[in-house]
mmCIF file of all heavy atoms, coordinates in Angstrom:
data_MODEL
# 
_entry.id   MODEL 
# 
loop_
_atom_site.group_PDB 
_atom_site.id 
_atom_site.type_symbol 
_atom_site.label_atom_id 
_atom_site.label_alt_id 
_atom_site.label_comp_id 
_atom_site.label_asym_id 
_atom_site.label_entity_id 
_atom_site.label_seq_id 
_atom_site.pdbx_PDB_ins_code 
_atom_site.Cartn_x 
_atom_site.Cartn_y 
_atom_site.Cartn_z 
_atom_site.occupancy 
_atom_site.B_iso_or_equiv 
_atom_site.pdbx_formal_charge 
_atom_site.auth_seq_id 
_atom_site.auth_comp_id 
_atom_site.auth_asym_id 
_atom_site.auth_atom_id 
_atom_site.pdbx_PDB_model_num 
ATOM 1   N N   . SER A 1 1  ? 30.854 41.912 9.124  1.00 0.00 ? 1  SER A N   1 
ATOM 2   C CA  . SER A 1 1  ? 32.199 42.391 8.811  1.00 0.00 ? 1  SER A CA  1 
ATOM 3   C C   . SER A 1 1  ? 32.141 43.739 8.118  1.00 0.00 ? 1  SER A C   1 
ATOM 4   O O   . SER A 1 1  ? 31.218 44.065 7.392  1.00 0.00 ? 1  SER A O   1 
ATOM 5   C CB  . SER A 1 1  ? 32.904 41.386 7.891  1.00 0.00 ? 1  SER A CB  1 
ATOM 6   O OG  . SER A 1 1  ? 32.156 41.216 6.710  1.00 0.00 ? 1  SER A OG  1 
ATOM 7   N N   . GLY A 1 2  ? 33.162 44.505 8.362  1.00 0.00 ? 2  GLY A N   1 
ATOM 8   C CA  . GLY A 1 2  ? 33.327 45.752 7.642  1.00 0.00 ? 2  GLY A CA  1 
ATOM 9   C C   . GLY A 1 2  ? 32.480 46.907 8.147  1.00 0.00 ? 2  GLY A C   1 
ATOM 10  O O   . GLY A 1 2  ? 32.299 47.891 7.447  1.00 0.00 ? 2  GLY A O   1 
ATOM 11  N N   . HIS A 1 3  ? 31.932 46.809 9.331  1.00 0.00 ? 3  HIS A N   1 
ATOM 12  C CA  . HIS A 1 3  ? 31.147 47.917 9.879  1.00 0.00 ? 3  HIS A CA  1 
ATOM 13  C C   . HIS A 1 3  ? 32.061 49.104 10.167 1.00 0.00 ? 3  HIS A C   1 
ATOM 14  O O   . HIS A 1 3  ? 33.139 48.954 10.713 1.00 0.00 ? 3  HIS A O   1 
ATOM 15  C CB  . HIS A 1 3  ? 30.469 47.494 11.192 1.00 0.00 ? 3  HIS A CB  1 
ATOM 16  C CG  . HIS A 1 3  ? 29.223 46.714 10.938 1.00 0.00 ? 3  HIS A CG  1 
ATOM 17  N ND1 . HIS A 1 3  ? 28.159 46.725 11.805 1.00 0.00 ? 3  HIS A ND1 1 
ATOM 18  C CD2 . HIS A 1 3  ? 28.870 45.920 9.915  1.00 0.00 ? 3  HIS A CD2 1 
ATOM 19  C CE1 . HIS A 1 3  ? 27.195 45.949 11.339 1.00 0.00 ? 3  HIS A CE1 1 
ATOM 20  N NE2 . HIS A 1 3  ? 27.614 45.451 10.199 1.00 0.00 ? 3  HIS A NE2 1 
ATOM 21  N N   . ILE A 1 4  ? 31.633 50.251 9.787  1.00 0.00 ? 4  ILE A N   1 
ATOM 22  C CA  . ILE A 1 4  ? 32.362 51.478 10.079 1.00 0.00 ? 4  ILE A CA  1 
ATOM 23  C C   . ILE A 1 4  ? 31.567 52.232 11.124 1.00 0.00 ? 4  ILE A C   1 
ATOM 24  O O   . ILE A 1 4  ? 30.379 52.516 10.929 1.00 0.00 ? 4  ILE A O   1 
ATOM 25  C CB  . ILE A 1 4  ? 32.530 52.322 8.804  1.00 0.00 ? 4  ILE A CB  1 
ATOM 26  C CG1 . ILE A 1 4  ? 33.280 51.501 7.741  1.00 0.00 ? 4  ILE A CG1 1 
ATOM 27  C CG2 . ILE A 1 4  ? 33.272 53.604 9.107  1.00 0.00 ? 4  ILE A CG2 1 
ATOM 28  C CD1 . ILE A 1 4  ? 33.280 52.140 6.374  1.00 0.00 ? 4  ILE A CD1 1 
ATOM 29  N N   . GLU A 1 5  ? 32.213 52.565 12.253 1.00 0.00 ? 5  GLU A N   1 
ATOM 30  C CA  . GLU A 1 5  ? 31.496 53.122 13.397 1.00 0.00 ? 5  GLU A CA  1 
ATOM 31  C C   . GLU A 1 5  ? 30.741 54.399 13.051 1.00 0.00 ? 5  GLU A C   1 
ATOM 32  O O   . GLU A 1 5  ? 29.570 54.552 13.383 1.00 0.00 ? 5  GLU A O   1 
ATOM 33  C CB  . GLU A 1 5  ? 32.487 53.389 14.539 1.00 0.00 ? 5  GLU A CB  1 
ATOM 34  C CG  . GLU A 1 5  ? 31.808 53.793 15.831 1.00 0.00 ? 5  GLU A CG  1 
ATOM 35  C CD  . GLU A 1 5  ? 32.791 53.888 16.987 1.00 0.00 ? 5  GLU A CD  1 
ATOM 36  O OE1 . GLU A 1 5  ? 33.300 52.847 17.415 1.00 0.00 ? 5  GLU A OE1 1 
ATOM 37  O OE2 . GLU A 1 5  ? 33.055 55.017 17.418 1.00 0.00 ? 5  GLU A OE2 1 
ATOM 38  N N   . ASN A 1 6  ? 31.410 55.347 12.371 1.00 0.00 ? 6  ASN A N   1 
ATOM 39  C CA  . ASN A 1 6  ? 30.751 56.604 12.036 1.00 0.00 ? 6  ASN A CA  1 
ATOM 40  C C   . ASN A 1 6  ? 29.608 56.399 11.051 1.00 0.00 ? 6  ASN A C   1 
ATOM 41  O O   . ASN A 1 6  ? 28.601 57.105 11.096 1.00 0.00 ? 6  ASN A O   1 
ATOM 42  C CB  . ASN A 1 6  ? 31.766 57.601 11.459 1.00 0.00 ? 6  ASN A CB  1 
ATOM 43  C CG  . ASN A 1 6  ? 32.701 58.143 12.537 1.00 0.00 ? 6  ASN A CG  1 
ATOM 44  O OD1 . ASN A 1 6  ? 32.339 58.194 13.713 1.00 0.00 ? 6  ASN A OD1 1 
ATOM 45  N ND2 . ASN A 1 6  ? 33.899 58.535 12.146 1.00 0.00 ? 6  ASN A ND2 1 
ATOM 46  N N   . GLN A 1 7  ? 29.772 55.427 10.157 1.00 0.00 ? 7  GLN A N   1 
ATOM 47  C CA  . GLN A 1 7  ? 28.704 55.107 9.207  1.00 0.00 ? 7  GLN A CA  1 
ATOM 48  C C   . GLN A 1 7  ? 27.488 54.550 9.951  1.00 0.00 ? 7  GLN A C   1 
ATOM 49  O O   . GLN A 1 7  ? 26.348 54.904 9.656  1.00 0.00 ? 7  GLN A O   1 
ATOM 50  C CB  . GLN A 1 7  ? 29.220 54.097 8.182  1.00 0.00 ? 7  GLN A CB  1 
ATOM 51  C CG  . GLN A 1 7  ? 28.322 53.922 6.964  1.00 0.00 ? 7  GLN A CG  1 
ATOM 52  C CD  . GLN A 1 7  ? 28.920 52.958 5.965  1.00 0.00 ? 7  GLN A CD  1 
ATOM 53  O OE1 . GLN A 1 7  ? 29.302 51.840 6.316  1.00 0.00 ? 7  GLN A OE1 1 
ATOM 54  N NE2 . GLN A 1 7  ? 29.006 53.384 4.716  1.00 0.00 ? 7  GLN A NE2 1 
ATOM 55  N N   . ASP A 1 8  ? 27.752 53.683 10.921 1.00 0.00 ? 8  ASP A N   1 
ATOM 56  C CA  . ASP A 1 8  ? 26.665 53.123 11.737 1.00 0.00 ? 8  ASP A CA  1 
ATOM 57  C C   . ASP A 1 8  ? 25.925 54.222 12.494 1.00 0.00 ? 8  ASP A C   1 
ATOM 58  O O   . ASP A 1 8  ? 24.698 54.185 12.639 1.00 0.00 ? 8  ASP A O   1 
ATOM 59  C CB  . ASP A 1 8  ? 27.214 52.098 12.728 1.00 0.00 ? 8  ASP A CB  1 
ATOM 60  C CG  . ASP A 1 8  ? 27.475 50.748 12.071 1.00 0.00 ? 8  ASP A CG  1 
ATOM 61  O OD1 . ASP A 1 8  ? 27.113 50.595 10.892 1.00 0.00 ? 8  ASP A OD1 1 
ATOM 62  O OD2 . ASP A 1 8  ? 28.031 49.872 12.732 1.00 0.00 ? 8  ASP A OD2 1 
ATOM 63  N N   . LYS A 1 9  ? 26.678 55.203 12.979 1.00 0.00 ? 9  LYS A N   1 
ATOM 64  C CA  . LYS A 1 9  ? 26.053 56.323 13.691 1.00 0.00 ? 9  LYS A CA  1 
ATOM 65  C C   . LYS A 1 9  ? 25.108 57.080 12.767 1.00 0.00 ? 9  LYS A C   1 
ATOM 66  O O   . LYS A 1 9  ? 24.026 57.505 13.181 1.00 0.00 ? 9  LYS A O   1 
ATOM 67  C CB  . LYS A 1 9  ? 27.120 57.283 14.242 1.00 0.00 ? 9  LYS A CB  1 
ATOM 68  C CG  . LYS A 1 9  ? 27.809 56.796 15.503 1.00 0.00 ? 9  LYS A CG  1 
ATOM 69  C CD  . LYS A 1 9  ? 28.771 57.851 16.022 1.00 0.00 ? 9  LYS A CD  1 
ATOM 70  C CE  . LYS A 1 9  ? 29.514 57.358 17.263 1.00 0.00 ? 9  LYS A CE  1 
ATOM 71  N NZ  . LYS A 1 9  ? 30.464 58.382 17.770 1.00 0.00 ? 9  LYS A NZ  1 
ATOM 72  N N   . MET A 1 10 ? 25.513 57.247 11.512 1.00 0.00 ? 10 MET A N   1 
ATOM 73  C CA  . MET A 1 10 ? 24.673 57.961 10.552 1.00 0.00 ? 10 MET A CA  1 
ATOM 74  C C   . MET A 1 10 ? 23.387 57.183 10.270 1.00 0.00 ? 10 MET A C   1 
ATOM 75  O O   . MET A 1 10 ? 22.305 57.762 10.200 1.00 0.00 ? 10 MET A O   1 
ATOM 76  C CB  . MET A 1 10 ? 25.438 58.212 9.247  1.00 0.00 ? 10 MET A CB  1 
ATOM 77  C CG  . MET A 1 10 ? 26.570 59.222 9.365  1.00 0.00 ? 10 MET A CG  1 
ATOM 78  S SD  . MET A 1 10 ? 26.002 60.837 9.984  1.00 0.00 ? 10 MET A SD  1 
ATOM 79  C CE  . MET A 1 10 ? 26.577 60.780 11.693 1.00 0.00 ? 10 MET A CE  1 
ATOM 80  N N   . TYR A 1 11 ? 23.509 55.862 10.122 1.00 0.00 ? 11 TYR A N   1 
ATOM 81  C CA  . TYR A 1 11 ? 22.314 55.034 9.918  1.00 0.00 ? 11 TYR A CA  1 
ATOM 82  C C   . TYR A 1 11 ? 21.375 55.156 11.117 1.00 0.00 ? 11 TYR A C   1 
ATOM 83  O O   . TYR A 1 11 ? 20.163 55.333 10.972 1.00 0.00 ? 11 TYR A O   1 
ATOM 84  C CB  . TYR A 1 11 ? 22.687 53.567 9.720  1.00 0.00 ? 11 TYR A CB  1 
ATOM 85  C CG  . TYR A 1 11 ? 23.397 53.255 8.424  1.00 0.00 ? 11 TYR A CG  1 
ATOM 86  C CD1 . TYR A 1 11 ? 24.502 52.404 8.402  1.00 0.00 ? 11 TYR A CD1 1 
ATOM 87  C CD2 . TYR A 1 11 ? 22.962 53.802 7.215  1.00 0.00 ? 11 TYR A CD2 1 
ATOM 88  C CE1 . TYR A 1 11 ? 25.159 52.114 7.205  1.00 0.00 ? 11 TYR A CE1 1 
ATOM 89  C CE2 . TYR A 1 11 ? 23.613 53.514 6.029  1.00 0.00 ? 11 TYR A CE2 1 
ATOM 90  C CZ  . TYR A 1 11 ? 24.710 52.660 6.026  1.00 0.00 ? 11 TYR A CZ  1 
ATOM 91  O OH  . TYR A 1 11 ? 25.349 52.372 4.859  1.00 0.00 ? 11 TYR A OH  1 
ATOM 92  N N   . SER A 1 12 ? 21.956 55.044 12.318 1.00 0.00 ? 12 SER A N   1 
ATOM 93  C CA  . SER A 1 12 ? 21.151 55.123 13.543 1.00 0.00 ? 12 SER A CA  1 
ATOM 94  C C   . SER A 1 12 ? 20.489 56.487 13.682 1.00 0.00 ? 12 SER A C   1 
ATOM 95  O O   . SER A 1 12 ? 19.327 56.594 14.068 1.00 0.00 ? 12 SER A O   1 
ATOM 96  C CB  . SER A 1 12 ? 22.023 54.844 14.773 1.00 0.00 ? 12 SER A CB  1 
ATOM 97  O OG  . SER A 1 12 ? 22.455 53.518 14.785 1.00 0.00 ? 12 SER A OG  1 
ATOM 98  N N   . LEU A 1 13 ? 21.258 57.533 13.379 1.00 0.00 ? 13 LEU A N   1 
ATOM 99  C CA  . LEU A 1 13 ? 20.737 58.895 13.452 1.00 0.00 ? 13 LEU A CA  1 
ATOM 100 C C   . LEU A 1 13 ? 19.544 59.055 12.522 1.00 0.00 ? 13 LEU A C   1 
ATOM 101 O O   . LEU A 1 13 ? 18.544 59.699 12.864 1.00 0.00 ? 13 LEU A O   1 
ATOM 102 C CB  . LEU A 1 13 ? 21.847 59.877 13.057 1.00 0.00 ? 13 LEU A CB  1 
ATOM 103 C CG  . LEU A 1 13 ? 21.690 61.337 13.449 1.00 0.00 ? 13 LEU A CG  1 
ATOM 104 C CD1 . LEU A 1 13 ? 21.694 61.480 14.968 1.00 0.00 ? 13 LEU A CD1 1 
ATOM 105 C CD2 . LEU A 1 13 ? 22.815 62.162 12.856 1.00 0.00 ? 13 LEU A CD2 1 
ATOM 106 N N   . PHE A 1 14 ? 19.641 58.403 11.383 1.00 0.00 ? 14 PHE A N   1 
ATOM 107 C CA  . PHE A 1 14 ? 18.580 58.525 10.379 1.00 0.00 ? 14 PHE A CA  1 
ATOM 108 C C   . PHE A 1 14 ? 17.283 57.900 10.865 1.00 0.00 ? 14 PHE A C   1 
ATOM 109 O O   . PHE A 1 14 ? 16.222 58.514 10.803 1.00 0.00 ? 14 PHE A O   1 
ATOM 110 C CB  . PHE A 1 14 ? 19.037 57.885 9.068  1.00 0.00 ? 14 PHE A CB  1 
ATOM 111 C CG  . PHE A 1 14 ? 18.341 58.455 7.867  1.00 0.00 ? 14 PHE A CG  1 
ATOM 112 C CD1 . PHE A 1 14 ? 18.734 59.677 7.337  1.00 0.00 ? 14 PHE A CD1 1 
ATOM 113 C CD2 . PHE A 1 14 ? 17.281 57.792 7.275  1.00 0.00 ? 14 PHE A CD2 1 
ATOM 114 C CE1 . PHE A 1 14 ? 18.077 60.221 6.239  1.00 0.00 ? 14 PHE A CE1 1 
ATOM 115 C CE2 . PHE A 1 14 ? 16.620 58.325 6.184  1.00 0.00 ? 14 PHE A CE2 1 
ATOM 116 C CZ  . PHE A 1 14 ? 17.022 59.541 5.653  1.00 0.00 ? 14 PHE A CZ  1 
ATOM 117 N N   . TYR A 1 15 ? 17.354 56.650 11.380 1.00 0.00 ? 15 TYR A N   1 
ATOM 118 C CA  . TYR A 1 15 ? 16.092 56.001 11.742 1.00 0.00 ? 15 TYR A CA  1 
ATOM 119 C C   . TYR A 1 15 ? 15.603 56.341 13.144 1.00 0.00 ? 15 TYR A C   1 
ATOM 120 O O   . TYR A 1 15 ? 14.439 56.100 13.466 1.00 0.00 ? 15 TYR A O   1 
ATOM 121 C CB  . TYR A 1 15 ? 16.131 54.486 11.508 1.00 0.00 ? 15 TYR A CB  1 
ATOM 122 C CG  . TYR A 1 15 ? 16.999 53.658 12.410 1.00 0.00 ? 15 TYR A CG  1 
ATOM 123 C CD1 . TYR A 1 15 ? 16.659 53.421 13.731 1.00 0.00 ? 15 TYR A CD1 1 
ATOM 124 C CD2 . TYR A 1 15 ? 18.164 53.065 11.925 1.00 0.00 ? 15 TYR A CD2 1 
ATOM 125 C CE1 . TYR A 1 15 ? 17.452 52.643 14.556 1.00 0.00 ? 15 TYR A CE1 1 
ATOM 126 C CE2 . TYR A 1 15 ? 18.961 52.276 12.737 1.00 0.00 ? 15 TYR A CE2 1 
ATOM 127 C CZ  . TYR A 1 15 ? 18.598 52.073 14.046 1.00 0.00 ? 15 TYR A CZ  1 
ATOM 128 O OH  . TYR A 1 15 ? 19.398 51.298 14.865 1.00 0.00 ? 15 TYR A OH  1 
ATOM 129 N N   . THR A 1 16 ? 16.456 56.901 13.999 1.00 0.00 ? 16 THR A N   1 
ATOM 130 C CA  . THR A 1 16 ? 15.983 57.294 15.329 1.00 0.00 ? 16 THR A CA  1 
ATOM 131 C C   . THR A 1 16 ? 15.463 58.731 15.362 1.00 0.00 ? 16 THR A C   1 
ATOM 132 O O   . THR A 1 16 ? 14.559 59.043 16.147 1.00 0.00 ? 16 THR A O   1 
ATOM 133 C CB  . THR A 1 16 ? 17.102 57.174 16.387 1.00 0.00 ? 16 THR A CB  1 
ATOM 134 O OG1 . THR A 1 16 ? 18.237 57.952 15.970 1.00 0.00 ? 16 THR A OG1 1 
ATOM 135 C CG2 . THR A 1 16 ? 17.530 55.739 16.589 1.00 0.00 ? 16 THR A CG2 1 
ATOM 136 N N   . ILE A 1 17 ? 16.017 59.602 14.522 1.00 0.00 ? 17 ILE A N   1 
ATOM 137 C CA  . ILE A 1 17 ? 15.707 61.030 14.624 1.00 0.00 ? 17 ILE A CA  1 
ATOM 138 C C   . ILE A 1 17 ? 15.157 61.626 13.326 1.00 0.00 ? 17 ILE A C   1 
ATOM 139 O O   . ILE A 1 17 ? 14.160 62.363 13.352 1.00 0.00 ? 17 ILE A O   1 
ATOM 140 C CB  . ILE A 1 17 ? 16.971 61.820 15.069 1.00 0.00 ? 17 ILE A CB  1 
ATOM 141 C CG1 . ILE A 1 17 ? 17.355 61.381 16.495 1.00 0.00 ? 17 ILE A CG1 1 
ATOM 142 C CG2 . ILE A 1 17 ? 16.738 63.323 15.019 1.00 0.00 ? 17 ILE A CG2 1 
ATOM 143 C CD1 . ILE A 1 17 ? 18.668 61.910 16.988 1.00 0.00 ? 17 ILE A CD1 1 
ATOM 144 N N   . ILE A 1 18 ? 15.769 61.295 12.196 1.00 0.00 ? 18 ILE A N   1 
ATOM 145 C CA  . ILE A 1 18 ? 15.379 61.934 10.936 1.00 0.00 ? 18 ILE A CA  1 
ATOM 146 C C   . ILE A 1 18 ? 14.056 61.391 10.396 1.00 0.00 ? 18 ILE A C   1 
ATOM 147 O O   . ILE A 1 18 ? 13.184 62.155 9.976  1.00 0.00 ? 18 ILE A O   1 
ATOM 148 C CB  . ILE A 1 18 ? 16.493 61.785 9.870  1.00 0.00 ? 18 ILE A CB  1 
ATOM 149 C CG1 . ILE A 1 18 ? 17.819 62.349 10.406 1.00 0.00 ? 18 ILE A CG1 1 
ATOM 150 C CG2 . ILE A 1 18 ? 16.090 62.493 8.581  1.00 0.00 ? 18 ILE A CG2 1 
ATOM 151 C CD1 . ILE A 1 18 ? 17.768 63.797 10.841 1.00 0.00 ? 18 ILE A CD1 1 
ATOM 152 N N   . ILE A 1 19 ? 13.874 60.061 10.401 1.00 0.00 ? 19 ILE A N   1 
ATOM 153 C CA  . ILE A 1 19 ? 12.624 59.477 9.880  1.00 0.00 ? 19 ILE A CA  1 
ATOM 154 C C   . ILE A 1 19 ? 11.395 59.944 10.674 1.00 0.00 ? 19 ILE A C   1 
ATOM 155 O O   . ILE A 1 19 ? 10.384 60.319 10.078 1.00 0.00 ? 19 ILE A O   1 
ATOM 156 C CB  . ILE A 1 19 ? 12.721 57.936 9.813  1.00 0.00 ? 19 ILE A CB  1 
ATOM 157 C CG1 . ILE A 1 19 ? 13.685 57.535 8.695  1.00 0.00 ? 19 ILE A CG1 1 
ATOM 158 C CG2 . ILE A 1 19 ? 11.348 57.300 9.585  1.00 0.00 ? 19 ILE A CG2 1 
ATOM 159 C CD1 . ILE A 1 19 ? 13.934 56.055 8.566  1.00 0.00 ? 19 ILE A CD1 1 
ATOM 160 N N   . PRO A 1 20 ? 11.451 59.954 12.032 1.00 0.00 ? 20 PRO A N   1 
ATOM 161 C CA  . PRO A 1 20 ? 10.290 60.501 12.770 1.00 0.00 ? 20 PRO A CA  1 
ATOM 162 C C   . PRO A 1 20 ? 10.022 61.968 12.449 1.00 0.00 ? 20 PRO A C   1 
ATOM 163 O O   . PRO A 1 20 ? 8.879  62.423 12.547 1.00 0.00 ? 20 PRO A O   1 
ATOM 164 C CB  . PRO A 1 20 ? 10.705 60.337 14.245 1.00 0.00 ? 20 PRO A CB  1 
ATOM 165 C CG  . PRO A 1 20 ? 11.646 59.180 14.232 1.00 0.00 ? 20 PRO A CG  1 
ATOM 166 C CD  . PRO A 1 20 ? 12.418 59.325 12.951 1.00 0.00 ? 20 PRO A CD  1 
ATOM 167 N N   . LEU A 1 21 ? 11.071 62.698 12.056 1.00 0.00 ? 21 LEU A N   1 
ATOM 168 C CA  . LEU A 1 21 ? 10.892 64.099 11.640 1.00 0.00 ? 21 LEU A CA  1 
ATOM 169 C C   . LEU A 1 21 ? 10.186 64.177 10.292 1.00 0.00 ? 21 LEU A C   1 
ATOM 170 O O   . LEU A 1 21 ? 9.272  64.983 10.096 1.00 0.00 ? 21 LEU A O   1 
ATOM 171 C CB  . LEU A 1 21 ? 12.263 64.787 11.547 1.00 0.00 ? 21 LEU A CB  1 
ATOM 172 C CG  . LEU A 1 21 ? 12.303 66.148 10.828 1.00 0.00 ? 21 LEU A CG  1 
ATOM 173 C CD1 . LEU A 1 21 ? 11.614 67.210 11.661 1.00 0.00 ? 21 LEU A CD1 1 
ATOM 174 C CD2 . LEU A 1 21 ? 13.739 66.547 10.527 1.00 0.00 ? 21 LEU A CD2 1 
ATOM 175 N N   . LEU A 1 22 ? 10.590 63.315 9.354  1.00 0.00 ? 22 LEU A N   1 
ATOM 176 C CA  . LEU A 1 22 ? 10.090 63.398 7.981  1.00 0.00 ? 22 LEU A CA  1 
ATOM 177 C C   . LEU A 1 22 ? 8.686  62.837 7.806  1.00 0.00 ? 22 LEU A C   1 
ATOM 178 O O   . LEU A 1 22 ? 7.902  63.358 6.999  1.00 0.00 ? 22 LEU A O   1 
ATOM 179 C CB  . LEU A 1 22 ? 11.046 62.667 7.034  1.00 0.00 ? 22 LEU A CB  1 
ATOM 180 C CG  . LEU A 1 22 ? 12.460 63.239 6.884  1.00 0.00 ? 22 LEU A CG  1 
ATOM 181 C CD1 . LEU A 1 22 ? 13.293 62.347 5.967  1.00 0.00 ? 22 LEU A CD1 1 
ATOM 182 C CD2 . LEU A 1 22 ? 12.416 64.665 6.337  1.00 0.00 ? 22 LEU A CD2 1 
ATOM 183 N N   . ASN A 1 23 ? 8.355  61.756 8.536  1.00 0.00 ? 23 ASN A N   1 
ATOM 184 C CA  . ASN A 1 23 ? 7.101  61.034 8.283  1.00 0.00 ? 23 ASN A CA  1 
ATOM 185 C C   . ASN A 1 23 ? 5.839  61.900 8.283  1.00 0.00 ? 23 ASN A C   1 
ATOM 186 O O   . ASN A 1 23 ? 5.029  61.799 7.355  1.00 0.00 ? 23 ASN A O   1 
ATOM 187 C CB  . ASN A 1 23 ? 6.951  59.875 9.270  1.00 0.00 ? 23 ASN A CB  1 
ATOM 188 C CG  . ASN A 1 23 ? 7.568  58.597 8.746  1.00 0.00 ? 23 ASN A CG  1 
ATOM 189 O OD1 . ASN A 1 23 ? 7.896  58.479 7.562  1.00 0.00 ? 23 ASN A OD1 1 
ATOM 190 N ND2 . ASN A 1 23 ? 7.751  57.621 9.614  1.00 0.00 ? 23 ASN A ND2 1 
ATOM 191 N N   . PRO A 1 24 ? 5.622  62.748 9.307  1.00 0.00 ? 24 PRO A N   1 
ATOM 192 C CA  . PRO A 1 24 ? 4.366  63.523 9.284  1.00 0.00 ? 24 PRO A CA  1 
ATOM 193 C C   . PRO A 1 24 ? 4.265  64.449 8.074  1.00 0.00 ? 24 PRO A C   1 
ATOM 194 O O   . PRO A 1 24 ? 3.166  64.703 7.574  1.00 0.00 ? 24 PRO A O   1 
ATOM 195 C CB  . PRO A 1 24 ? 4.407  64.319 10.596 1.00 0.00 ? 24 PRO A CB  1 
ATOM 196 C CG  . PRO A 1 24 ? 5.824  64.307 11.027 1.00 0.00 ? 24 PRO A CG  1 
ATOM 197 C CD  . PRO A 1 24 ? 6.403  63.022 10.532 1.00 0.00 ? 24 PRO A CD  1 
# 
């Protein structure tokens, strides 16, 4: 309950694109 679509996009963006950028 209470999922916000744009918030979910930000979470997804973080673990699909930002984390692979930051890790190395």
